[in-house]
Protein backbone atom coordinates (compact mmCIF):
# COMPACT_ATOMS: atom_id res chain seq x y z
CA MET A 1 84.62 62.41 270.36
CA ALA A 2 87.37 62.75 273.01
CA LYS A 3 84.94 61.43 275.61
CA MET A 4 84.31 58.35 273.59
CA LEU A 5 88.01 57.62 272.98
CA LYS A 6 88.65 57.84 276.74
CA CYS A 7 86.36 54.66 277.06
CA ALA A 8 89.08 52.65 275.27
CA GLY A 9 91.14 50.35 277.47
CA ASP A 10 94.74 49.37 277.19
CA ASN A 11 93.91 46.12 275.21
CA ASP A 12 91.10 47.58 273.05
CA ILE A 13 91.20 47.89 269.37
CA VAL A 14 89.64 51.15 268.13
CA THR A 15 88.34 51.34 264.60
CA ILE A 16 87.08 54.58 263.05
CA LYS A 17 85.21 54.22 259.72
CA ALA A 18 83.75 56.95 257.50
CA ALA A 19 82.68 56.79 253.84
CA ASP A 20 82.79 59.56 251.34
CA GLY A 21 79.55 61.53 251.34
CA ASP A 22 78.33 60.16 254.71
CA ASP A 23 77.21 62.47 257.42
CA CYS A 24 78.41 60.16 260.28
CA VAL A 25 81.36 58.29 261.61
CA ASN A 26 81.30 54.79 263.06
CA ILE A 27 83.57 54.15 266.01
CA MET A 28 84.12 50.71 267.22
CA PHE A 29 85.79 49.32 270.43
CA GLU A 30 86.83 45.64 270.42
CA ASN A 31 88.49 43.62 273.31
CA PHE A 32 88.96 40.00 272.38
CA GLY A 33 90.29 39.14 275.82
CA LYS A 34 86.91 40.15 277.44
CA ASP A 35 84.91 39.16 274.35
CA SER A 36 83.34 42.64 274.25
CA PHE A 37 82.30 44.99 271.36
CA LEU A 38 80.91 48.47 271.46
CA SER A 39 79.89 50.55 268.44
CA TYR A 40 79.04 54.23 268.33
CA LEU A 41 77.54 56.23 265.45
CA LEU A 42 78.63 59.93 265.67
CA ALA A 43 76.76 62.47 263.45
CA LEU A 44 79.01 65.08 261.82
CA VAL A 45 78.10 68.70 261.92
CA GLY A 46 78.57 70.69 258.70
CA LEU A 47 79.76 74.29 258.86
């Protein structure tokens, strides 16, 4: 997850979403100045 967050630029908006009971987290990077959008789905590992 740390490697993904290093992708964020100074003007990026980072949104992290997770729902109760889901086994994944959605991480979105948005930059309206460059009109770009990236979305990653990260699977969670249970212990």
